[in-house]
Amino acid sequence: MAVRTQVKFYYDIISPYSWFGFESLCRYTKPWNLDLQLRPINLGKIKKESENAPPGSGSFKGAMFFPDVRRASEMMELPYKPLENFVQSVFIKGSLPTQKTLAACQILYPDHMEELTRQSWLGLYSKDVDITDKDNIIQFAEAAQIPDVDKLLEFSLGNETRQQLIDNTAEALESKCFGAPWYTVTNPKTGRREKFFGHDRVEMLGWVIGKEYKGHHPPQE
């Protein structure tokens, strides 16, 4: 059996571009034989440490951000719905409880990471629900078929989960991450770790590992 190519994907549910990059990489996991390692991070910490302003801040960035997200979602055929109150949802409430739940899932139920991540994004950017609300997080976990939802939520409040999120974020920063989505892969030809930023770098990642990019809906061979 061919060795799978490991890709580490650093993300925060608060980032819609991370959703698009996540779905794109998931669609190529089988065709490219990828070992996709999902790493929830604290994007606020990343932005602060890298001195990088959020994409929706500033008049010019803000004007570009919303139509660009809409176009990207249509291109990916994802059910994106604009947030009714973007500032409240993103800059005030944030995503920390959901990120902690994902970090807990990384430890307890790694096989459910993909679906819990997907359900969390659908909750925020398709249904516009509060992802800091415990009841909503429970719904995400149930939709992802987490074996023991109560255990997951209790574990998400503990020190081990807190440290996992800190470690994921530190690992991303060590690779000079400045935003999300951020992903790394080892170049099979040079052995060098390659780094990518943005949902639209999946084709470039394929080129690095010697795989053919076949659009947004590749055949699942």
C-alpha atoms as a PDB file:
ATOM      1  CA  MET A   1       0.000   0.000   0.000  1.00  0.00           C
ATOM      2  CA  ALA A   2       1.312   3.442  -0.936  1.00  0.00           C
ATOM      3  CA  VAL A   3       2.388   5.676   1.920  1.00  0.00           C
ATOM      4  CA  ARG A   4      -0.126   8.442   2.579  1.00  0.00           C
ATOM      5  CA  THR A   5       1.066  12.025   2.361  1.00  0.00           C
ATOM      6  CA  GLN A   6       0.525  13.835   5.649  1.00  0.00           C
ATOM      7  CA  VAL A   7      -0.999  17.310   5.470  1.00  0.00           C
ATOM      8  CA  LYS A   8      -1.452  19.313   8.659  1.00  0.00           C
ATOM      9  CA  PHE A   9      -4.344  21.750   8.378  1.00  0.00           C
ATOM     10  CA  TYR A  10      -4.554  24.599  10.895  1.00  0.00           C
ATOM     11  CA  TYR A  11      -7.916  26.317  11.134  1.00  0.00           C
ATOM     12  CA  ASP A  12     -10.465  28.256  13.136  1.00  0.00           C
ATOM     13  CA  ILE A  13     -14.218  27.913  12.606  1.00  0.00           C
ATOM     14  CA  ILE A  14     -14.471  31.708  12.663  1.00  0.00           C
ATOM     15  CA  SER A  15     -12.700  31.788   9.262  1.00  0.00           C
ATOM     16  CA  PRO A  16     -14.963  31.083   6.257  1.00  0.00           C
ATOM     17  CA  TYR A  17     -11.910  30.722   4.026  1.00  0.00           C
ATOM     18  CA  SER A  18     -10.771  27.875   6.283  1.00  0.00           C
ATOM     19  CA  TRP A  19     -14.086  26.138   5.581  1.00  0.00           C
ATOM     20  CA  PHE A  20     -13.474  26.342   1.849  1.00  0.00           C
ATOM     21  CA  GLY A  21      -9.902  25.067   2.185  1.00  0.00           C
ATOM     22  CA  PHE A  22     -11.019  22.259   4.485  1.00  0.00           C
ATOM     23  CA  GLU A  23     -13.691  21.016   2.071  1.00  0.00           C
ATOM     24  CA  SER A  24     -11.289  21.229  -0.849  1.00  0.00           C
ATOM     25  CA  LEU A  25      -8.661  19.143   0.937  1.00  0.00           C
ATOM     26  CA  CYS A  26     -11.304  16.646   2.087  1.00  0.00           C
ATOM     27  CA  ARG A  27     -12.355  16.201  -1.532  1.00  0.00           C
ATOM     28  CA  TYR A  28      -8.739  15.369  -2.440  1.00  0.00           C
ATOM     29  CA  THR A  29      -7.980  13.121   0.534  1.00  0.00           C
ATOM     30  CA  LYS A  30      -8.859   9.937  -1.347  1.00  0.00           C
ATOM     31  CA  PRO A  31      -7.677  10.856  -4.898  1.00  0.00           C
ATOM     32  CA  TRP A  32      -4.303  12.065  -3.591  1.00  0.00           C
ATOM     33  CA  ASN A  33      -4.007   9.513  -0.747  1.00  0.00           C
ATOM     34  CA  LEU A  34      -3.663  12.217   1.901  1.00  0.00           C
ATOM     35  CA  ASP A  35      -3.382  11.771   5.642  1.00  0.00           C
ATOM     36  CA  LEU A  36      -5.234  14.954   6.596  1.00  0.00           C
ATOM     37  CA  GLN A  37      -4.403  15.984  10.157  1.00  0.00           C
ATOM     38  CA  LEU A  38      -6.843  18.604  11.443  1.00  0.00           C
ATOM     39  CA  ARG A  39      -5.420  21.090  13.929  1.00  0.00           C
ATOM     40  CA  PRO A  40      -7.847  23.594  15.513  1.00  0.00           C
ATOM     41  CA  ILE A  41      -6.051  26.784  16.540  1.00  0.00           C
ATOM     42  CA  ASN A  42      -6.681  30.080  18.294  1.00  0.00           C
ATOM     43  CA  LEU A  43      -6.766  32.433  15.312  1.00  0.00           C
ATOM     44  CA  GLY A  44      -6.879  35.503  17.542  1.00  0.00           C
ATOM     45  CA  LYS A  45      -3.535  34.476  19.038  1.00  0.00           C
ATOM     46  CA  ILE A  46      -2.111  33.875  15.560  1.00  0.00           C
ATOM     47  CA  LYS A  47      -3.220  37.314  14.374  1.00  0.00           C
ATOM     48  CA  LYS A  48      -1.774  38.996  17.453  1.00  0.00           C
ATOM     49  CA  GLU A  49       1.584  37.234  17.334  1.00  0.00           C
ATOM     50  CA  SER A  50       2.004  37.747  13.576  1.00  0.00           C
ATOM     51  CA  GLU A  51       0.658  41.335  13.686  1.00  0.00           C
ATOM     52  CA  ASN A  52      -1.776  40.480  10.894  1.00  0.00           C
ATOM     53  CA  ALA A  53      -5.106  42.336  10.622  1.00  0.00           C
ATOM     54  CA  PRO A  54      -8.287  40.282  10.046  1.00  0.00           C
ATOM     55  CA  PRO A  55      -9.517  40.119   6.407  1.00  0.00           C
ATOM     56  CA  GLY A  56     -12.775  41.883   7.245  1.00  0.00           C
ATOM     57  CA  SER A  57     -11.082  44.866   8.893  1.00  0.00           C
ATOM     58  CA  GLY A  58     -10.348  48.136   7.142  1.00  0.00           C
ATOM     59  CA  SER A  59     -12.608  49.757   4.565  1.00  0.00           C
ATOM     60  CA  PHE A  60     -10.872  48.299   1.500  1.00  0.00           C
ATOM     61  CA  LYS A  61     -10.419  44.799   2.972  1.00  0.00           C
ATOM     62  CA  GLY A  62     -13.988  44.769   4.255  1.00  0.00           C
ATOM     63  CA  ALA A  63     -15.398  45.815   0.894  1.00  0.00           C
ATOM     64  CA  MET A  64     -13.565  42.947  -0.803  1.00  0.00           C
ATOM     65  CA  PHE A  65     -14.147  40.332   1.884  1.00  0.00           C
ATOM     66  CA  PHE A  66     -17.901  39.755   1.661  1.00  0.00           C
ATOM     67  CA  PRO A  67     -18.333  39.438  -2.117  1.00  0.00           C
ATOM     68  CA  ASP A  68     -15.171  37.322  -2.277  1.00  0.00           C
ATOM     69  CA  VAL A  69     -16.499  34.877   0.324  1.00  0.00           C
ATOM     70  CA  ARG A  70     -19.788  34.650  -1.550  1.00  0.00           C
ATOM     71  CA  ARG A  71     -18.016  33.906  -4.856  1.00  0.00           C
ATOM     72  CA  ALA A  72     -15.783  31.304  -3.262  1.00  0.00           C
ATOM     73  CA  SER A  73     -18.732  29.512  -1.659  1.00  0.00           C
ATOM     74  CA  GLU A  74     -20.600  29.435  -4.970  1.00  0.00           C
ATOM     75  CA  MET A  75     -17.517  28.130  -6.745  1.00  0.00           C
ATOM     76  CA  MET A  76     -17.141  25.376  -4.129  1.00  0.00           C
ATOM     77  CA  GLU A  77     -20.913  24.752  -4.109  1.00  0.00           C
ATOM     78  CA  LEU A  78     -21.123  25.185  -0.346  1.00  0.00           C
ATOM     79  CA  PRO A  79     -24.265  26.461   1.431  1.00  0.00           C
ATOM     80  CA  TYR A  80     -22.800  29.710   2.731  1.00  0.00           C
ATOM     81  CA  LYS A  81     -25.166  32.240   4.289  1.00  0.00           C
ATOM     82  CA  PRO A  82     -23.932  35.728   5.298  1.00  0.00           C
ATOM     83  CA  LEU A  83     -24.023  36.364   9.025  1.00  0.00           C
ATOM     84  CA  GLU A  84     -26.776  38.708  10.129  1.00  0.00           C
ATOM     85  CA  ASN A  85     -24.412  40.442  12.542  1.00  0.00           C
ATOM     86  CA  PHE A  86     -20.845  39.771  11.411  1.00  0.00           C
ATOM     87  CA  VAL A  87     -19.161  41.974  14.021  1.00  0.00           C
ATOM     88  CA  GLN A  88     -21.116  40.424  16.897  1.00  0.00           C
ATOM     89  CA  SER A  89     -20.552  36.840  15.747  1.00  0.00           C
ATOM     90  CA  VAL A  90     -16.906  37.127  14.725  1.00  0.00           C
ATOM     91  CA  PHE A  91     -15.234  39.878  16.722  1.00  0.00           C
ATOM     92  CA  ILE A  92     -17.272  39.864  19.940  1.00  0.00           C
ATOM     93  CA  LYS A  93     -18.418  36.272  20.506  1.00  0.00           C
ATOM     94  CA  GLY A  94     -15.708  34.494  18.547  1.00  0.00           C
ATOM     95  CA  SER A  95     -15.250  30.735  18.449  1.00  0.00           C
ATOM     96  CA  LEU A  96     -13.252  29.679  21.521  1.00  0.00           C
ATOM     97  CA  PRO A  97     -15.788  27.184  22.997  1.00  0.00           C
ATOM     98  CA  THR A  98     -16.091  25.449  19.626  1.00  0.00           C
ATOM     99  CA  GLN A  99     -12.314  25.425  19.136  1.00  0.00           C
ATOM    100  CA  LYS A 100     -11.921  23.848  22.571  1.00  0.00           C
ATOM    101  CA  THR A 101     -14.522  21.223  21.679  1.00  0.00           C
ATOM    102  CA  LEU A 102     -12.615  20.427  18.491  1.00  0.00           C
ATOM    103  CA  ALA A 103      -9.351  20.182  20.448  1.00  0.00           C
ATOM    104  CA  ALA A 104     -11.075  17.774  22.838  1.00  0.00           C
ATOM    105  CA  CYS A 105     -12.290  15.750  19.862  1.00  0.00           C
ATOM    106  CA  GLN A 106      -8.721  15.671  18.521  1.00  0.00           C
ATOM    107  CA  ILE A 107      -7.717  13.876  21.715  1.00  0.00           C
ATOM    108  CA  LEU A 108     -10.767  11.695  22.418  1.00  0.00           C
ATOM    109  CA  TYR A 109     -12.363  10.982  19.050  1.00  0.00           C
ATOM    110  CA  PRO A 110      -9.896  11.772  16.246  1.00  0.00           C
ATOM    111  CA  ASP A 111     -11.909   9.727  13.729  1.00  0.00           C
ATOM    112  CA  HIS A 112     -14.801  12.176  14.186  1.00  0.00           C
ATOM    113  CA  MET A 113     -12.754  15.342  13.693  1.00  0.00           C
ATOM    114  CA  GLU A 114     -13.695  15.841  10.055  1.00  0.00           C
ATOM    115  CA  GLU A 115     -17.436  15.660  10.608  1.00  0.00           C
ATOM    116  CA  LEU A 116     -17.466  17.708  13.816  1.00  0.00           C
ATOM    117  CA  THR A 117     -15.437  20.363  12.026  1.00  0.00           C
ATOM    118  CA  ARG A 118     -17.873  20.347   9.110  1.00  0.00           C
ATOM    119  CA  GLN A 119     -20.950  20.528  11.336  1.00  0.00           C
ATOM    120  CA  SER A 120     -19.453  23.449  13.244  1.00  0.00           C
ATOM    121  CA  TRP A 121     -18.909  25.396  10.026  1.00  0.00           C
ATOM    122  CA  LEU A 122     -22.396  24.584   8.794  1.00  0.00           C
ATOM    123  CA  GLY A 123     -23.731  25.880  12.087  1.00  0.00           C
ATOM    124  CA  LEU A 124     -21.990  29.236  11.792  1.00  0.00           C
ATOM    125  CA  TYR A 125     -21.817  29.993   8.080  1.00  0.00           C
ATOM    126  CA  SER A 126     -24.875  28.162   6.798  1.00  0.00           C
ATOM    127  CA  LYS A 127     -27.363  28.422   9.682  1.00  0.00           C
ATOM    128  CA  ASP A 128     -25.975  31.523  11.426  1.00  0.00           C
ATOM    129  CA  VAL A 129     -26.220  30.061  14.923  1.00  0.00           C
ATOM    130  CA  ASP A 130     -24.182  31.037  17.956  1.00  0.00           C
ATOM    131  CA  ILE A 131     -21.196  28.692  18.040  1.00  0.00           C
ATOM    132  CA  THR A 132     -20.349  29.729  21.607  1.00  0.00           C
ATOM    133  CA  ASP A 133     -23.679  28.371  22.863  1.00  0.00           C
ATOM    134  CA  LYS A 134     -23.458  24.983  24.593  1.00  0.00           C
ATOM    135  CA  ASP A 135     -26.737  23.688  23.176  1.00  0.00           C
ATOM    136  CA  ASN A 136     -25.612  24.453  19.633  1.00  0.00           C
ATOM    137  CA  ILE A 137     -22.263  22.757  20.202  1.00  0.00           C
ATOM    138  CA  ILE A 138     -24.160  19.715  21.450  1.00  0.00           C
ATOM    139  CA  GLN A 139     -26.132  19.700  18.204  1.00  0.00           C
ATOM    140  CA  PHE A 140     -22.903  19.828  16.182  1.00  0.00           C
ATOM    141  CA  ALA A 141     -21.498  16.903  18.166  1.00  0.00           C
ATOM    142  CA  GLU A 142     -24.679  14.858  17.800  1.00  0.00           C
ATOM    143  CA  ALA A 143     -24.757  15.502  14.049  1.00  0.00           C
ATOM    144  CA  ALA A 144     -21.133  14.324  13.901  1.00  0.00           C
ATOM    145  CA  GLN A 145     -22.162  11.128  15.769  1.00  0.00           C
ATOM    146  CA  ILE A 146     -19.723  11.670  18.621  1.00  0.00           C
ATOM    147  CA  PRO A 147     -19.898   8.482  20.773  1.00  0.00           C
ATOM    148  CA  ASP A 148     -20.243  10.335  24.095  1.00  0.00           C
ATOM    149  CA  VAL A 149     -21.242  13.989  23.724  1.00  0.00           C
ATOM    150  CA  ASP A 150     -21.361  14.701  27.471  1.00  0.00           C
ATOM    151  CA  LYS A 151     -17.857  13.325  27.892  1.00  0.00           C
ATOM    152  CA  LEU A 152     -16.603  15.467  25.011  1.00  0.00           C
ATOM    153  CA  LEU A 153     -18.081  18.664  26.430  1.00  0.00           C
ATOM    154  CA  GLU A 154     -16.800  17.988  29.925  1.00  0.00           C
ATOM    155  CA  PHE A 155     -13.332  17.188  28.570  1.00  0.00           C
ATOM    156  CA  SER A 156     -13.351  20.395  26.500  1.00  0.00           C
ATOM    157  CA  LEU A 157     -13.325  22.418  29.735  1.00  0.00           C
ATOM    158  CA  GLY A 158     -10.244  20.727  31.161  1.00  0.00           C
ATOM    159  CA  ASN A 159      -6.551  21.553  31.204  1.00  0.00           C
ATOM    160  CA  GLU A 160      -5.573  18.815  28.736  1.00  0.00           C
ATOM    161  CA  THR A 161      -7.829  20.302  26.078  1.00  0.00           C
ATOM    162  CA  ARG A 162      -6.650  23.825  26.859  1.00  0.00           C
ATOM    163  CA  GLN A 163      -3.056  22.681  26.419  1.00  0.00           C
ATOM    164  CA  GLN A 164      -3.883  20.890  23.159  1.00  0.00           C
ATOM    165  CA  LEU A 165      -5.264  24.111  21.674  1.00  0.00           C
ATOM    166  CA  ILE A 166      -2.212  26.007  22.928  1.00  0.00           C
ATOM    167  CA  ASP A 167       0.106  23.385  21.417  1.00  0.00           C
ATOM    168  CA  ASN A 168      -1.691  23.421  18.052  1.00  0.00           C
ATOM    169  CA  THR A 169      -1.424  27.212  17.931  1.00  0.00           C
ATOM    170  CA  ALA A 170       2.236  27.168  18.957  1.00  0.00           C
ATOM    171  CA  GLU A 171       2.981  24.556  16.292  1.00  0.00           C
ATOM    172  CA  ALA A 172       1.336  26.764  13.669  1.00  0.00           C
ATOM    173  CA  LEU A 173       3.275  29.818  14.847  1.00  0.00           C
ATOM    174  CA  GLU A 174       6.516  27.851  14.752  1.00  0.00           C
ATOM    175  CA  SER A 175       5.925  27.325  11.040  1.00  0.00           C
ATOM    176  CA  LYS A 176       5.416  31.133  10.656  1.00  0.00           C
ATOM    177  CA  CYS A 177       1.626  30.926  10.336  1.00  0.00           C
ATOM    178  CA  PHE A 178      -0.038  34.333  10.069  1.00  0.00           C
ATOM    179  CA  GLY A 179      -3.660  33.382   9.312  1.00  0.00           C
ATOM    180  CA  ALA A 180      -6.067  30.624   8.395  1.00  0.00           C
ATOM    181  CA  PRO A 181      -6.342  28.326   6.646  1.00  0.00           C
ATOM    182  CA  TRP A 182      -2.708  27.334   6.979  1.00  0.00           C
ATOM    183  CA  TYR A 183      -1.361  23.939   5.973  1.00  0.00           C
ATOM    184  CA  THR A 184       1.965  22.191   5.750  1.00  0.00           C
ATOM    185  CA  VAL A 185       3.259  19.174   3.846  1.00  0.00           C
ATOM    186  CA  THR A 186       6.674  17.574   3.383  1.00  0.00           C
ATOM    187  CA  ASN A 187       7.903  17.816  -0.216  1.00  0.00           C
ATOM    188  CA  PRO A 188       8.561  14.175  -1.271  1.00  0.00           C
ATOM    189  CA  LYS A 189      11.367  15.271  -3.619  1.00  0.00           C
ATOM    190  CA  THR A 190      13.318  17.604  -1.352  1.00  0.00           C
ATOM    191  CA  GLY A 191      12.205  16.536   2.122  1.00  0.00           C
ATOM    192  CA  ARG A 192      11.553  20.200   2.865  1.00  0.00           C
ATOM    193  CA  ARG A 193       8.418  21.265   4.697  1.00  0.00           C
ATOM    194  CA  GLU A 194       6.241  23.384   2.424  1.00  0.00           C
ATOM    195  CA  LYS A 195       3.744  25.882   3.828  1.00  0.00           C
ATOM    196  CA  PHE A 196       0.536  27.193   2.287  1.00  0.00           C
ATOM    197  CA  PHE A 197      -1.876  29.968   3.195  1.00  0.00           C
ATOM    198  CA  GLY A 198      -5.378  30.358   1.788  1.00  0.00           C
ATOM    199  CA  HIS A 199      -8.206  28.171   0.563  1.00  0.00           C
ATOM    200  CA  ASP A 200      -7.034  28.508  -3.052  1.00  0.00           C
ATOM    201  CA  ARG A 201      -3.607  26.868  -2.656  1.00  0.00           C
ATOM    202  CA  VAL A 202      -4.759  23.258  -2.918  1.00  0.00           C
ATOM    203  CA  GLU A 203      -3.809  23.062  -6.594  1.00  0.00           C
ATOM    204  CA  MET A 204      -0.321  24.269  -5.684  1.00  0.00           C
ATOM    205  CA  LEU A 205      -0.082  21.670  -2.915  1.00  0.00           C
ATOM    206  CA  GLY A 206      -0.934  18.994  -5.481  1.00  0.00           C
ATOM    207  CA  TRP A 207       1.845  20.251  -7.747  1.00  0.00           C
ATOM    208  CA  VAL A 208       4.326  20.053  -4.846  1.00  0.00           C
ATOM    209  CA  ILE A 209       3.476  16.420  -4.089  1.00  0.00           C
ATOM    210  CA  GLY A 210       3.214  15.412  -7.749  1.00  0.00           C
ATOM    211  CA  LYS A 211      -0.572  15.017  -7.939  1.00  0.00           C
ATOM    212  CA  GLU A 212      -2.949  16.271 -10.611  1.00  0.00           C
ATOM    213  CA  TYR A 213      -5.563  18.834  -9.674  1.00  0.00           C
ATOM    214  CA  LYS A 214      -8.936  18.080 -11.238  1.00  0.00           C
ATOM    215  CA  GLY A 215     -11.121  20.959 -10.154  1.00  0.00           C
ATOM    216  CA  HIS A 216     -13.417  21.499  -7.212  1.00  0.00           C
ATOM    217  CA  HIS A 217     -15.157  18.130  -7.487  1.00  0.00           C
ATOM    218  CA  PRO A 218     -12.465  15.547  -8.332  1.00  0.00           C
ATOM    219  CA  PRO A 219     -13.408  11.935  -9.131  1.00  0.00           C
ATOM    220  CA  GLN A 220     -13.213   9.814  -5.974  1.00  0.00           C
ATOM    221  CA  GLU A 221     -10.995   7.119  -7.452  1.00  0.00           C
END
